[in-house]
Every structure is written in C-alpha cells, then in structure tokens.
Amino acid sequence: MNNPIPRTVGFKPGERNIFFHILTSCNLSCSHCYINPEQHGKGSVSKETMDAWLALFFDKAKENNLIFLGGEPTLHKDLVHGIHTAKKLGYNSITVDTNGYLFHDTLNRIEPNDAVLSFSLDGPSPEINDPLRGEGVFETCTGNLKRAVNKGFDVSLIYTVSRRNIDHLQEMPKLLADMGVKRFFIQVIGLRGKSAQSGQDLQLTPEEWLATVPEVAAAAAGLGMHVICPKVFLEENEKFECAGNVAENFFIFPNGRVYQCPLCEDLAVNTFRIEDNRLMKNQGLIEEQLFSLTIPEGCVMNKLLQPDNLLYDAAGKPLHRISCCLLKQEIRP
C-alpha cells in the first residue's frame, strides 16, 4: 500500500463558514474548554433569534457551511429546529459538534442527510479520556457514536491533543476504524478559556507535535479515514496567509459578538456585533486591524496572544513559523 500523502488545504474563494454557538452552557467541565463566560456570556439564543441569525449569515451566492457549537449544542431544545431551518435556507453543509450525550433525543429527531455529527473524544479509553472530559464520558460518547454510525449518519471525531493525552494518540486510528468513523480531526490545544486561565502546562512543543501527529494521521488514513489537522507550522518556502484576509469565517456567540479569528475570543476585539438582527461593524481596536500585519513569526495573533509558542535561534530568527490557525492539512485514504 502506498503511503498517503498529506496536502495543505488552501482557503477556498466563495466559501463562507459559520461557527454558531447557540448557547455556552455544557453538562461537562472539560479541563481545556475554550468557552469564556466573561466574554461569551452564559446565555443561549432563542428559537426566533436562531432563525433570524441563520438567515442573516446565509449568502445564496456562496457555499455556506454551518457548524452548530456550544457549550454543548444538543442541550438547546431548539437545535433540531435550527438544523431544519438551515437546511431549508440552503446551507451546503450542516455539522453538529457534540460531546456525545445527544440530549433531547437528537439522534432520533434528525435524519442522516440533515447533518454531520462530529463527536469529541480525548482518549482511547475511559482511563485517558474521562480525567480530561468527565467520569463516564467515554462510555456515553462511544455508545452514541456507534448508534449514529448504525443509523447511517456521517460521523467524524475530534481529538484535542495536549501533553496529557498525546502519548495515546497512536491508539486512536484502530479504535475509530473499528467504530466506523470516516473522518478524524486531530486538533491542537489552544490557550483560550480554561487552558489560558488555569496555568495548566497543556501545550505541546513543535518537536512533540511533529514527532507524533503526522505519523498517526498517516496511520489513520491507511485505515481508510479522511484525516484533517491544523497546519500549525509552515515550511520554509510556504507563504503565510491569514484567513481574516482571504476567507469568510464568522464565530458567533449568543451575546451577539461575532469574531473572525478564534484566537481572539478571550478579548473584546470582535470585528462585528449583532444588533436588532443586523450585522454591525465595531469601531476602535478590533481584530481585523491586525490581519494585515506581516511578521517573520507568521501569525500575528499567535505572537500577541500565545508568545510562549515561539522559539528563536541565536540571531533572533524564529525556529518555526506559525500558520493561520484555520489553515488545515489533510490526508485522504
């Protein structure tokens, strides 16, 4: 068998990605949760607001991709209504990011062609996953994932890699293949929310990431999975591009804040806000003003917000250039 070849997925012109946090509450208390109640609030959108905002961000001239997020989106009693509304509007793809509990009988109230279900799991066993995500989570998540696969849903899985679980990442491909998962997202942990506030030593060094993740991604692709992970580090000859300049990404929160860059979500620098169901541009210092800055380190936001990620040689040259956090690399089987 030929070794699968990774390729960088460039930003797609005419594509619009909507990351819609319909509430911020969750039944779990993950140690690396990125929700920041001080910035994102503690509320949820009403059914009427959900309909209005789905229509507000839909552009019939573009390819519209929608991801329902939380907190835990299945805790929202109107999630299924929102899925059906988005489908009627004409969204090209609809994904629900879930911790696997699938509240409000979600799995029995939608059809496989309504949405992709993307489960989160951070270990190949309860012993690894549950200290990170909560007692009993592994059993519940994998049980509902198997149910979804048996019902014919397109199922993906997200594994957030940190210092607490990277040694077990190599065990995931076989587990996922056995469960029928076709798409595997390997996510890098970010210093946002709890992980930024708690002082936990969760982030990996470049050497740790590069020594482990590409090999596991290739192994998963070899078992028939489509593997996607952040590009993270640019090669010497690769050009840096900021998604804020070349793509349309909107990260929406129930309090009306709308960001273009997820790294900025712990700060009140959101480019847009929603008022009376209209998208308004903010004034003053906002994230958009930083997107055009060029630095040797690559991503300006990473340099400003996560400077400990960067290392330099004796001459002050960055040892690694950080890509835009929204730039992905994929390996197809």
C-alpha atoms as a PDB file:
ATOM      1  CA  MET A   1       0.000   0.000   0.000  1.00  0.00           C
ATOM      2  CA  ASN A   2       1.264   3.478  -0.883  1.00  0.00           C
ATOM      3  CA  ASN A   3       1.771   5.874   1.981  1.00  0.00           C
ATOM      4  CA  PRO A   4      -0.958   8.558   1.963  1.00  0.00           C
ATOM      5  CA  ILE A   5       0.433  11.994   1.127  1.00  0.00           C
ATOM      6  CA  PRO A   6      -0.621  14.995   3.265  1.00  0.00           C
ATOM      7  CA  ARG A   7      -1.647  18.161   1.476  1.00  0.00           C
ATOM      8  CA  THR A   8      -2.383  21.662   2.671  1.00  0.00           C
ATOM      9  CA  VAL A   9      -5.998  22.730   2.139  1.00  0.00           C
ATOM     10  CA  GLY A  10      -5.937  26.329   0.928  1.00  0.00           C
ATOM     11  CA  PHE A  11      -8.678  28.813   1.754  1.00  0.00           C
ATOM     12  CA  LYS A  12     -11.496  28.418  -0.742  1.00  0.00           C
ATOM     13  CA  PRO A  13     -12.784  31.540  -2.546  1.00  0.00           C
ATOM     14  CA  GLY A  14     -16.550  31.914  -2.357  1.00  0.00           C
ATOM     15  CA  GLU A  15     -16.845  29.759   0.744  1.00  0.00           C
ATOM     16  CA  ARG A  16     -18.492  31.047   3.926  1.00  0.00           C
ATOM     17  CA  ASN A  17     -18.092  29.187   7.220  1.00  0.00           C
ATOM     18  CA  ILE A  18     -20.479  29.933  10.071  1.00  0.00           C
ATOM     19  CA  PHE A  19     -19.496  28.727  13.557  1.00  0.00           C
ATOM     20  CA  PHE A  20     -22.703  29.281  15.539  1.00  0.00           C
ATOM     21  CA  HIS A  21     -22.506  28.952  19.332  1.00  0.00           C
ATOM     22  CA  ILE A  22     -26.218  28.650  20.124  1.00  0.00           C
ATOM     23  CA  LEU A  23     -25.512  28.507  23.876  1.00  0.00           C
ATOM     24  CA  THR A  24     -22.493  28.466  26.176  1.00  0.00           C
ATOM     25  CA  SER A  25     -23.652  26.003  28.853  1.00  0.00           C
ATOM     26  CA  CYS A  26     -22.463  22.397  28.933  1.00  0.00           C
ATOM     27  CA  ASN A  27     -23.075  19.287  31.012  1.00  0.00           C
ATOM     28  CA  LEU A  28     -19.329  18.624  31.177  1.00  0.00           C
ATOM     29  CA  SER A  29     -16.424  20.580  32.655  1.00  0.00           C
ATOM     30  CA  CYS A  30     -13.507  19.765  30.366  1.00  0.00           C
ATOM     31  CA  SER A  31     -10.132  20.992  31.573  1.00  0.00           C
ATOM     32  CA  HIS A  32      -9.399  22.608  28.197  1.00  0.00           C
ATOM     33  CA  CYS A  33     -12.817  24.148  27.431  1.00  0.00           C
ATOM     34  CA  TYR A  34     -12.358  27.351  25.414  1.00  0.00           C
ATOM     35  CA  ILE A  35     -15.638  28.997  26.427  1.00  0.00           C
ATOM     36  CA  ASN A  36     -15.012  32.136  28.481  1.00  0.00           C
ATOM     37  CA  PRO A  37     -18.232  33.231  30.248  1.00  0.00           C
ATOM     38  CA  GLU A  38     -16.858  36.717  30.899  1.00  0.00           C
ATOM     39  CA  GLN A  39     -16.523  37.257  27.150  1.00  0.00           C
ATOM     40  CA  HIS A  40     -19.121  34.896  25.696  1.00  0.00           C
ATOM     41  CA  GLY A  41     -21.871  35.234  28.303  1.00  0.00           C
ATOM     42  CA  LYS A  42     -23.914  32.482  29.917  1.00  0.00           C
ATOM     43  CA  GLY A  43     -26.989  32.666  27.736  1.00  0.00           C
ATOM     44  CA  SER A  44     -28.488  30.935  24.738  1.00  0.00           C
ATOM     45  CA  VAL A  45     -30.224  32.190  21.623  1.00  0.00           C
ATOM     46  CA  SER A  46     -33.994  31.921  21.386  1.00  0.00           C
ATOM     47  CA  LYS A  47     -35.699  29.935  18.653  1.00  0.00           C
ATOM     48  CA  GLU A  48     -36.655  33.187  16.917  1.00  0.00           C
ATOM     49  CA  THR A  49     -33.124  34.575  17.178  1.00  0.00           C
ATOM     50  CA  MET A  50     -31.688  31.325  15.860  1.00  0.00           C
ATOM     51  CA  ASP A  51     -33.889  31.600  12.764  1.00  0.00           C
ATOM     52  CA  ALA A  52     -33.015  35.267  12.256  1.00  0.00           C
ATOM     53  CA  TRP A  53     -29.255  34.767  12.600  1.00  0.00           C
ATOM     54  CA  LEU A  54     -29.206  31.715  10.329  1.00  0.00           C
ATOM     55  CA  ALA A  55     -30.873  33.851   7.667  1.00  0.00           C
ATOM     56  CA  LEU A  56     -28.581  36.814   8.385  1.00  0.00           C
ATOM     57  CA  PHE A  57     -25.390  34.865   7.672  1.00  0.00           C
ATOM     58  CA  PHE A  58     -26.660  32.839   4.712  1.00  0.00           C
ATOM     59  CA  ASP A  59     -25.400  34.161   1.366  1.00  0.00           C
ATOM     60  CA  LYS A  60     -27.086  32.460  -1.578  1.00  0.00           C
ATOM     61  CA  ALA A  61     -24.191  33.465  -3.860  1.00  0.00           C
ATOM     62  CA  LYS A  62     -21.687  31.445  -1.814  1.00  0.00           C
ATOM     63  CA  GLU A  63     -21.046  27.980  -0.460  1.00  0.00           C
ATOM     64  CA  ASN A  64     -22.332  28.202   3.097  1.00  0.00           C
ATOM     65  CA  ASN A  65     -21.059  25.753   5.718  1.00  0.00           C
ATOM     66  CA  LEU A  66     -22.639  25.768   9.170  1.00  0.00           C
ATOM     67  CA  ILE A  67     -21.313  24.306  12.408  1.00  0.00           C
ATOM     68  CA  PHE A  68     -23.556  24.287  15.477  1.00  0.00           C
ATOM     69  CA  LEU A  69     -21.471  24.696  18.643  1.00  0.00           C
ATOM     70  CA  GLY A  70     -21.883  25.296  22.362  1.00  0.00           C
ATOM     71  CA  GLY A  71     -21.154  24.665  25.155  1.00  0.00           C
ATOM     72  CA  GLU A  72     -22.989  21.510  24.195  1.00  0.00           C
ATOM     73  CA  PRO A  73     -25.397  22.342  21.336  1.00  0.00           C
ATOM     74  CA  THR A  74     -27.678  19.347  21.930  1.00  0.00           C
ATOM     75  CA  LEU A  75     -28.595  20.884  25.317  1.00  0.00           C
ATOM     76  CA  HIS A  76     -30.527  23.519  23.339  1.00  0.00           C
ATOM     77  CA  LYS A  77     -34.122  22.372  22.962  1.00  0.00           C
ATOM     78  CA  ASP A  78     -34.392  24.076  19.551  1.00  0.00           C
ATOM     79  CA  LEU A  79     -31.243  22.646  17.938  1.00  0.00           C
ATOM     80  CA  VAL A  80     -33.223  20.256  15.739  1.00  0.00           C
ATOM     81  CA  HIS A  81     -35.437  23.151  14.640  1.00  0.00           C
ATOM     82  CA  GLY A  82     -32.274  25.095  13.776  1.00  0.00           C
ATOM     83  CA  ILE A  83     -30.932  22.199  11.699  1.00  0.00           C
ATOM     84  CA  HIS A  84     -34.169  22.022   9.723  1.00  0.00           C
ATOM     85  CA  THR A  85     -34.228  25.814   9.268  1.00  0.00           C
ATOM     86  CA  ALA A  86     -30.648  25.831   7.955  1.00  0.00           C
ATOM     87  CA  LYS A  87     -31.471  23.029   5.560  1.00  0.00           C
ATOM     88  CA  LYS A  88     -34.472  24.929   4.186  1.00  0.00           C
ATOM     89  CA  LEU A  89     -32.343  28.057   3.749  1.00  0.00           C
ATOM     90  CA  GLY A  90     -29.915  26.056   1.595  1.00  0.00           C
ATOM     91  CA  TYR A  91     -26.765  25.670   3.702  1.00  0.00           C
ATOM     92  CA  ASN A  92     -24.383  23.401   1.795  1.00  0.00           C
ATOM     93  CA  SER A  93     -23.262  21.507   4.881  1.00  0.00           C
ATOM     94  CA  ILE A  94     -24.530  21.360   8.452  1.00  0.00           C
ATOM     95  CA  THR A  95     -22.431  19.921  11.273  1.00  0.00           C
ATOM     96  CA  VAL A  96     -23.192  19.473  14.959  1.00  0.00           C
ATOM     97  CA  ASP A  97     -20.159  19.395  17.259  1.00  0.00           C
ATOM     98  CA  THR A  98     -21.196  17.326  20.274  1.00  0.00           C
ATOM     99  CA  ASN A  99     -19.660  15.773  23.361  1.00  0.00           C
ATOM    100  CA  GLY A 100     -21.686  12.676  22.571  1.00  0.00           C
ATOM    101  CA  TYR A 101     -24.569  12.940  25.005  1.00  0.00           C
ATOM    102  CA  LEU A 102     -27.076  13.929  22.275  1.00  0.00           C
ATOM    103  CA  PHE A 103     -29.704  15.431  24.568  1.00  0.00           C
ATOM    104  CA  HIS A 104     -33.350  15.994  23.607  1.00  0.00           C
ATOM    105  CA  ASP A 105     -33.397  12.711  21.662  1.00  0.00           C
ATOM    106  CA  THR A 106     -31.447  14.454  18.894  1.00  0.00           C
ATOM    107  CA  LEU A 107     -30.386  11.245  17.173  1.00  0.00           C
ATOM    108  CA  ASN A 108     -33.987  10.127  16.649  1.00  0.00           C
ATOM    109  CA  ARG A 109     -35.273  13.529  15.529  1.00  0.00           C
ATOM    110  CA  ILE A 110     -32.974  14.122  12.549  1.00  0.00           C
ATOM    111  CA  GLU A 111     -32.081  12.066   9.505  1.00  0.00           C
ATOM    112  CA  PRO A 112     -28.583  11.196   8.247  1.00  0.00           C
ATOM    113  CA  ASN A 113     -28.940  13.659   5.363  1.00  0.00           C
ATOM    114  CA  ASP A 114     -29.780  16.509   7.755  1.00  0.00           C
ATOM    115  CA  ALA A 115     -26.396  16.932   9.431  1.00  0.00           C
ATOM    116  CA  VAL A 116     -22.933  15.534  10.082  1.00  0.00           C
ATOM    117  CA  LEU A 117     -22.371  14.556  13.713  1.00  0.00           C
ATOM    118  CA  SER A 118     -18.908  15.401  14.995  1.00  0.00           C
ATOM    119  CA  PHE A 119     -18.077  13.777  18.338  1.00  0.00           C
ATOM    120  CA  SER A 120     -15.327  14.846  20.757  1.00  0.00           C
ATOM    121  CA  LEU A 121     -13.160  12.260  22.481  1.00  0.00           C
ATOM    122  CA  ASP A 122      -9.747  12.853  24.034  1.00  0.00           C
ATOM    123  CA  GLY A 123      -8.519   9.342  24.767  1.00  0.00           C
ATOM    124  CA  PRO A 124      -8.781   5.746  23.557  1.00  0.00           C
ATOM    125  CA  SER A 125     -10.118   4.507  26.907  1.00  0.00           C
ATOM    126  CA  PRO A 126     -12.002   5.781  29.964  1.00  0.00           C
ATOM    127  CA  GLU A 127      -8.709   5.910  31.865  1.00  0.00           C
ATOM    128  CA  ILE A 128      -7.314   8.552  29.479  1.00  0.00           C
ATOM    129  CA  ASN A 129     -10.446  10.355  28.281  1.00  0.00           C
ATOM    130  CA  ASP A 130     -12.506  10.699  31.445  1.00  0.00           C
ATOM    131  CA  PRO A 131      -9.960  12.593  33.609  1.00  0.00           C
ATOM    132  CA  LEU A 132      -9.983  15.225  30.844  1.00  0.00           C
ATOM    133  CA  ARG A 133     -13.687  15.289  29.993  1.00  0.00           C
ATOM    134  CA  GLY A 134     -15.586  13.779  32.917  1.00  0.00           C
ATOM    135  CA  GLU A 135     -16.489  10.483  34.541  1.00  0.00           C
ATOM    136  CA  GLY A 136     -18.494   8.174  32.293  1.00  0.00           C
ATOM    137  CA  VAL A 137     -17.991  10.318  29.191  1.00  0.00           C
ATOM    138  CA  PHE A 138     -16.056   7.697  27.213  1.00  0.00           C
ATOM    139  CA  GLU A 139     -18.790   5.094  27.537  1.00  0.00           C
ATOM    140  CA  THR A 140     -21.594   7.525  26.692  1.00  0.00           C
ATOM    141  CA  CYS A 141     -19.806   9.147  23.762  1.00  0.00           C
ATOM    142  CA  THR A 142     -18.660   5.926  22.103  1.00  0.00           C
ATOM    143  CA  GLY A 143     -22.047   4.313  22.667  1.00  0.00           C
ATOM    144  CA  ASN A 144     -23.923   7.141  20.943  1.00  0.00           C
ATOM    145  CA  LEU A 145     -21.288   7.351  18.215  1.00  0.00           C
ATOM    146  CA  LYS A 146     -21.869   3.689  17.382  1.00  0.00           C
ATOM    147  CA  ARG A 147     -25.626   4.280  17.360  1.00  0.00           C
ATOM    148  CA  ALA A 148     -25.163   7.174  14.931  1.00  0.00           C
ATOM    149  CA  VAL A 149     -22.993   5.070  12.614  1.00  0.00           C
ATOM    150  CA  ASN A 150     -25.568   2.256  12.675  1.00  0.00           C
ATOM    151  CA  LYS A 151     -28.289   4.748  11.732  1.00  0.00           C
ATOM    152  CA  GLY A 152     -26.257   5.826   8.696  1.00  0.00           C
ATOM    153  CA  PHE A 153     -25.028   9.226   9.882  1.00  0.00           C
ATOM    154  CA  ASP A 154     -21.820  10.726   8.537  1.00  0.00           C
ATOM    155  CA  VAL A 155     -19.763  10.672  11.728  1.00  0.00           C
ATOM    156  CA  SER A 156     -16.475  12.375  12.493  1.00  0.00           C
ATOM    157  CA  LEU A 157     -14.378  12.565  15.645  1.00  0.00           C
ATOM    158  CA  ILE A 158     -12.289  15.365  17.137  1.00  0.00           C
ATOM    159  CA  TYR A 159      -9.300  14.562  19.372  1.00  0.00           C
ATOM    160  CA  THR A 160      -7.746  17.597  21.060  1.00  0.00           C
ATOM    161  CA  VAL A 161      -4.065  16.830  21.553  1.00  0.00           C
ATOM    162  CA  SER A 162      -2.363  18.030  24.714  1.00  0.00           C
ATOM    163  CA  ARG A 163       0.519  16.977  26.898  1.00  0.00           C
ATOM    164  CA  ARG A 164      -1.956  14.886  28.895  1.00  0.00           C
ATOM    165  CA  ASN A 165      -3.011  12.614  26.030  1.00  0.00           C
ATOM    166  CA  ILE A 166      -0.505  12.791  23.173  1.00  0.00           C
ATOM    167  CA  ASP A 167       1.137   9.514  24.241  1.00  0.00           C
ATOM    168  CA  HIS A 168      -2.142   7.747  23.486  1.00  0.00           C
ATOM    169  CA  LEU A 169      -2.939   9.362  20.142  1.00  0.00           C
ATOM    170  CA  GLN A 170      -1.452   6.416  18.247  1.00  0.00           C
ATOM    171  CA  GLU A 171      -4.144   4.155  19.755  1.00  0.00           C
ATOM    172  CA  MET A 172      -6.976   6.132  18.168  1.00  0.00           C
ATOM    173  CA  PRO A 173      -6.868   5.070  14.476  1.00  0.00           C
ATOM    174  CA  LYS A 174      -7.723   1.409  15.139  1.00  0.00           C
ATOM    175  CA  LEU A 175     -10.415   2.336  17.673  1.00  0.00           C
ATOM    176  CA  LEU A 176     -12.064   4.736  15.236  1.00  0.00           C
ATOM    177  CA  ALA A 177     -11.809   2.342  12.306  1.00  0.00           C
ATOM    178  CA  ASP A 178     -13.466  -0.362  14.404  1.00  0.00           C
ATOM    179  CA  MET A 179     -16.325   2.042  15.235  1.00  0.00           C
ATOM    180  CA  GLY A 180     -16.844   3.060  11.599  1.00  0.00           C
ATOM    181  CA  VAL A 181     -15.597   6.656  11.831  1.00  0.00           C
ATOM    182  CA  LYS A 182     -14.727   8.013   8.381  1.00  0.00           C
ATOM    183  CA  ARG A 183     -13.305  11.432   9.304  1.00  0.00           C
ATOM    184  CA  PHE A 184     -10.722  12.119  12.024  1.00  0.00           C
ATOM    185  CA  PHE A 185      -9.890  15.646  13.196  1.00  0.00           C
ATOM    186  CA  ILE A 186      -6.678  15.959  15.210  1.00  0.00           C
ATOM    187  CA  GLN A 187      -6.899  19.324  16.930  1.00  0.00           C
ATOM    188  CA  VAL A 188      -4.153  21.318  18.623  1.00  0.00           C
ATOM    189  CA  ILE A 189      -4.993  22.709  22.033  1.00  0.00           C
ATOM    190  CA  GLY A 190      -5.215  26.489  22.200  1.00  0.00           C
ATOM    191  CA  LEU A 191      -4.557  28.851  25.091  1.00  0.00           C
ATOM    192  CA  ARG A 192      -8.149  30.002  25.350  1.00  0.00           C
ATOM    193  CA  GLY A 193     -10.770  29.760  28.050  1.00  0.00           C
ATOM    194  CA  LYS A 194      -9.822  27.397  30.880  1.00  0.00           C
ATOM    195  CA  SER A 195      -6.452  26.403  29.448  1.00  0.00           C
ATOM    196  CA  ALA A 196      -5.418  30.073  29.295  1.00  0.00           C
ATOM    197  CA  GLN A 197      -6.600  30.869  32.806  1.00  0.00           C
ATOM    198  CA  SER A 198      -5.558  27.847  34.826  1.00  0.00           C
ATOM    199  CA  GLY A 199      -1.811  27.772  34.226  1.00  0.00           C
ATOM    200  CA  GLN A 200      -2.008  24.170  33.070  1.00  0.00           C
ATOM    201  CA  ASP A 201       1.010  23.006  31.085  1.00  0.00           C
ATOM    202  CA  LEU A 202      -1.029  21.513  28.235  1.00  0.00           C
ATOM    203  CA  GLN A 203       0.542  22.819  25.045  1.00  0.00           C
ATOM    204  CA  LEU A 204       2.995  20.751  23.057  1.00  0.00           C
ATOM    205  CA  THR A 205       6.366  21.817  21.769  1.00  0.00           C
ATOM    206  CA  PRO A 206       6.819  21.893  17.977  1.00  0.00           C
ATOM    207  CA  GLU A 207       9.038  18.837  18.273  1.00  0.00           C
ATOM    208  CA  GLU A 208       6.388  16.875  20.180  1.00  0.00           C
ATOM    209  CA  TRP A 209       3.688  17.733  17.632  1.00  0.00           C
ATOM    210  CA  LEU A 210       5.830  16.978  14.583  1.00  0.00           C
ATOM    211  CA  ALA A 211       7.211  13.750  16.038  1.00  0.00           C
ATOM    212  CA  THR A 212       3.776  12.277  16.688  1.00  0.00           C
ATOM    213  CA  VAL A 213       0.852  13.797  14.782  1.00  0.00           C
ATOM    214  CA  PRO A 214       1.930  13.286  11.133  1.00  0.00           C
ATOM    215  CA  GLU A 215       2.698   9.621  11.768  1.00  0.00           C
ATOM    216  CA  VAL A 216      -0.668   8.983  13.446  1.00  0.00           C
ATOM    217  CA  ALA A 217      -2.503  10.901  10.718  1.00  0.00           C
ATOM    218  CA  ALA A 218      -0.876   8.702   8.071  1.00  0.00           C
ATOM    219  CA  ALA A 219      -1.795   5.565  10.021  1.00  0.00           C
ATOM    220  CA  ALA A 220      -5.444   6.658  10.250  1.00  0.00           C
ATOM    221  CA  ALA A 221      -5.558   7.423   6.529  1.00  0.00           C
ATOM    222  CA  GLY A 222      -4.079   3.995   5.885  1.00  0.00           C
ATOM    223  CA  LEU A 223      -7.119   2.532   7.658  1.00  0.00           C
ATOM    224  CA  GLY A 224      -9.478   4.387   5.331  1.00  0.00           C
ATOM    225  CA  MET A 225     -10.124   7.607   7.228  1.00  0.00           C
ATOM    226  CA  HIS A 226     -10.055  11.161   5.923  1.00  0.00           C
ATOM    227  CA  VAL A 227      -7.738  12.911   8.389  1.00  0.00           C
ATOM    228  CA  ILE A 228      -7.694  16.661   8.991  1.00  0.00           C
ATOM    229  CA  CYS A 229      -5.443  18.589  11.359  1.00  0.00           C
ATOM    230  CA  PRO A 230      -4.171  22.157  11.703  1.00  0.00           C
ATOM    231  CA  LYS A 231      -1.193  23.006   9.536  1.00  0.00           C
ATOM    232  CA  VAL A 232       0.403  24.675  12.613  1.00  0.00           C
ATOM    233  CA  PHE A 233       3.940  25.069  11.202  1.00  0.00           C
ATOM    234  CA  LEU A 234       4.809  26.430   7.770  1.00  0.00           C
ATOM    235  CA  GLU A 235       7.593  25.056   5.641  1.00  0.00           C
ATOM    236  CA  GLU A 236      10.466  27.363   4.667  1.00  0.00           C
ATOM    237  CA  ASN A 237       9.037  28.152   1.223  1.00  0.00           C
ATOM    238  CA  GLU A 238       5.360  28.359   2.189  1.00  0.00           C
ATOM    239  CA  LYS A 239       3.591  31.707   2.131  1.00  0.00           C
ATOM    240  CA  PHE A 240       1.716  32.832   5.228  1.00  0.00           C
ATOM    241  CA  GLU A 241      -1.937  33.722   4.659  1.00  0.00           C
ATOM    242  CA  CYS A 242      -4.390  34.962   7.277  1.00  0.00           C
ATOM    243  CA  ALA A 243      -7.931  33.646   6.935  1.00  0.00           C
ATOM    244  CA  GLY A 244      -9.177  37.055   8.033  1.00  0.00           C
ATOM    245  CA  ASN A 245      -7.906  38.451   4.713  1.00  0.00           C
ATOM    246  CA  VAL A 246      -8.711  35.648   2.278  1.00  0.00           C
ATOM    247  CA  ALA A 247     -11.690  33.744   3.704  1.00  0.00           C
ATOM    248  CA  GLU A 248     -15.081  34.329   5.284  1.00  0.00           C
ATOM    249  CA  ASN A 249     -15.320  32.838   8.759  1.00  0.00           C
ATOM    250  CA  PHE A 250     -17.777  34.035  11.378  1.00  0.00           C
ATOM    251  CA  PHE A 251     -17.644  32.844  15.001  1.00  0.00           C
ATOM    252  CA  ILE A 252     -20.983  33.818  16.545  1.00  0.00           C
ATOM    253  CA  PHE A 253     -21.814  33.885  20.264  1.00  0.00           C
ATOM    254  CA  PRO A 254     -25.209  34.216  21.963  1.00  0.00           C
ATOM    255  CA  ASN A 255     -24.339  37.666  23.340  1.00  0.00           C
ATOM    256  CA  GLY A 256     -24.086  38.963  19.765  1.00  0.00           C
ATOM    257  CA  ARG A 257     -20.316  39.055  19.433  1.00  0.00           C
ATOM    258  CA  VAL A 258     -19.016  37.924  16.047  1.00  0.00           C
ATOM    259  CA  TYR A 259     -15.309  37.183  15.601  1.00  0.00           C
ATOM    260  CA  GLN A 260     -13.286  36.404  12.501  1.00  0.00           C
ATOM    261  CA  CYS A 261     -10.375  34.798  14.365  1.00  0.00           C
ATOM    262  CA  PRO A 262     -10.927  32.200  17.124  1.00  0.00           C
ATOM    263  CA  LEU A 263      -7.634  33.121  18.819  1.00  0.00           C
ATOM    264  CA  CYS A 264      -9.190  36.460  19.731  1.00  0.00           C
ATOM    265  CA  GLU A 265     -12.252  35.109  21.502  1.00  0.00           C
ATOM    266  CA  ASP A 266     -10.889  35.805  25.004  1.00  0.00           C
ATOM    267  CA  LEU A 267     -10.760  39.515  24.175  1.00  0.00           C
ATOM    268  CA  ALA A 268     -13.333  42.197  23.373  1.00  0.00           C
ATOM    269  CA  VAL A 269     -11.809  42.854  19.941  1.00  0.00           C
ATOM    270  CA  ASN A 270     -14.526  41.210  17.827  1.00  0.00           C
ATOM    271  CA  THR A 271     -14.848  42.788  14.392  1.00  0.00           C
ATOM    272  CA  PHE A 272     -18.652  42.559  14.347  1.00  0.00           C
ATOM    273  CA  ARG A 273     -21.639  42.507  16.646  1.00  0.00           C
ATOM    274  CA  ILE A 274     -25.286  41.706  16.031  1.00  0.00           C
ATOM    275  CA  GLU A 275     -27.831  44.356  16.957  1.00  0.00           C
ATOM    276  CA  ASP A 276     -31.538  44.001  16.175  1.00  0.00           C
ATOM    277  CA  ASN A 277     -30.668  41.042  13.952  1.00  0.00           C
ATOM    278  CA  ARG A 278     -28.328  43.182  11.842  1.00  0.00           C
ATOM    279  CA  LEU A 279     -24.579  42.676  11.466  1.00  0.00           C
ATOM    280  CA  MET A 280     -22.744  45.799  12.633  1.00  0.00           C
ATOM    281  CA  LYS A 281     -19.025  46.552  12.390  1.00  0.00           C
ATOM    282  CA  ASN A 282     -17.307  47.702  15.565  1.00  0.00           C
ATOM    283  CA  GLN A 283     -15.054  50.726  15.864  1.00  0.00           C
ATOM    284  CA  GLY A 284     -11.785  51.187  17.745  1.00  0.00           C
ATOM    285  CA  LEU A 285      -9.213  48.444  18.158  1.00  0.00           C
ATOM    286  CA  ILE A 286     -10.615  45.294  16.569  1.00  0.00           C
ATOM    287  CA  GLU A 287      -9.076  42.056  15.374  1.00  0.00           C
ATOM    288  CA  GLU A 288      -9.474  42.979  11.696  1.00  0.00           C
ATOM    289  CA  GLN A 289      -6.869  45.730  12.010  1.00  0.00           C
ATOM    290  CA  LEU A 290      -4.227  43.144  12.888  1.00  0.00           C
ATOM    291  CA  PHE A 291      -4.818  40.744   9.988  1.00  0.00           C
ATOM    292  CA  SER A 292      -2.699  42.697   7.501  1.00  0.00           C
ATOM    293  CA  LEU A 293       0.414  42.868   9.713  1.00  0.00           C
ATOM    294  CA  THR A 294       3.385  40.846   8.481  1.00  0.00           C
ATOM    295  CA  ILE A 295       5.949  39.382  10.862  1.00  0.00           C
ATOM    296  CA  PRO A 296       8.655  36.698  10.497  1.00  0.00           C
ATOM    297  CA  GLU A 297       6.849  34.504  13.029  1.00  0.00           C
ATOM    298  CA  GLY A 298       3.823  34.081  10.719  1.00  0.00           C
ATOM    299  CA  CYS A 299       0.559  34.519  12.628  1.00  0.00           C
ATOM    300  CA  VAL A 300       0.365  37.908  14.364  1.00  0.00           C
ATOM    301  CA  MET A 301      -2.382  36.716  16.700  1.00  0.00           C
ATOM    302  CA  ASN A 302      -0.260  33.829  17.875  1.00  0.00           C
ATOM    303  CA  LYS A 303       2.661  36.170  18.540  1.00  0.00           C
ATOM    304  CA  LEU A 304       0.454  38.561  20.525  1.00  0.00           C
ATOM    305  CA  LEU A 305      -1.654  36.067  22.444  1.00  0.00           C
ATOM    306  CA  GLN A 306       0.488  32.938  22.725  1.00  0.00           C
ATOM    307  CA  PRO A 307       4.132  34.149  22.549  1.00  0.00           C
ATOM    308  CA  ASP A 308       5.396  31.168  24.550  1.00  0.00           C
ATOM    309  CA  ASN A 309       4.703  29.028  21.457  1.00  0.00           C
ATOM    310  CA  LEU A 310       7.620  30.671  19.663  1.00  0.00           C
ATOM    311  CA  LEU A 311      11.319  29.867  19.882  1.00  0.00           C
ATOM    312  CA  TYR A 312      14.243  31.726  18.267  1.00  0.00           C
ATOM    313  CA  ASP A 313      17.821  30.983  17.262  1.00  0.00           C
ATOM    314  CA  ALA A 314      20.831  32.957  18.482  1.00  0.00           C
ATOM    315  CA  ALA A 315      20.314  35.544  15.736  1.00  0.00           C
ATOM    316  CA  GLY A 316      16.688  36.119  16.731  1.00  0.00           C
ATOM    317  CA  LYS A 317      15.190  34.218  13.787  1.00  0.00           C
ATOM    318  CA  PRO A 318      12.054  32.163  14.589  1.00  0.00           C
ATOM    319  CA  LEU A 319      12.779  28.433  14.579  1.00  0.00           C
ATOM    320  CA  HIS A 320       9.272  27.789  13.300  1.00  0.00           C
ATOM    321  CA  ARG A 321       6.722  29.948  11.505  1.00  0.00           C
ATOM    322  CA  ILE A 322       3.166  29.555  12.800  1.00  0.00           C
ATOM    323  CA  SER A 323       0.426  29.243  10.189  1.00  0.00           C
ATOM    324  CA  CYS A 324      -3.048  30.730  10.459  1.00  0.00           C
ATOM    325  CA  CYS A 325      -4.951  28.617  12.997  1.00  0.00           C
ATOM    326  CA  LEU A 326      -7.668  27.990  10.391  1.00  0.00           C
ATOM    327  CA  LEU A 327      -5.291  26.558   7.787  1.00  0.00           C
ATOM    328  CA  LYS A 328      -5.722  22.793   7.569  1.00  0.00           C
ATOM    329  CA  GLN A 329      -3.763  19.849   6.305  1.00  0.00           C
ATOM    330  CA  GLU A 330      -5.482  16.674   5.166  1.00  0.00           C
ATOM    331  CA  ILE A 331      -4.651  13.124   4.255  1.00  0.00           C
ATOM    332  CA  ARG A 332      -7.175  11.189   2.246  1.00  0.00           C
ATOM    333  CA  PRO A 333      -7.156   7.398   2.112  1.00  0.00           C
END
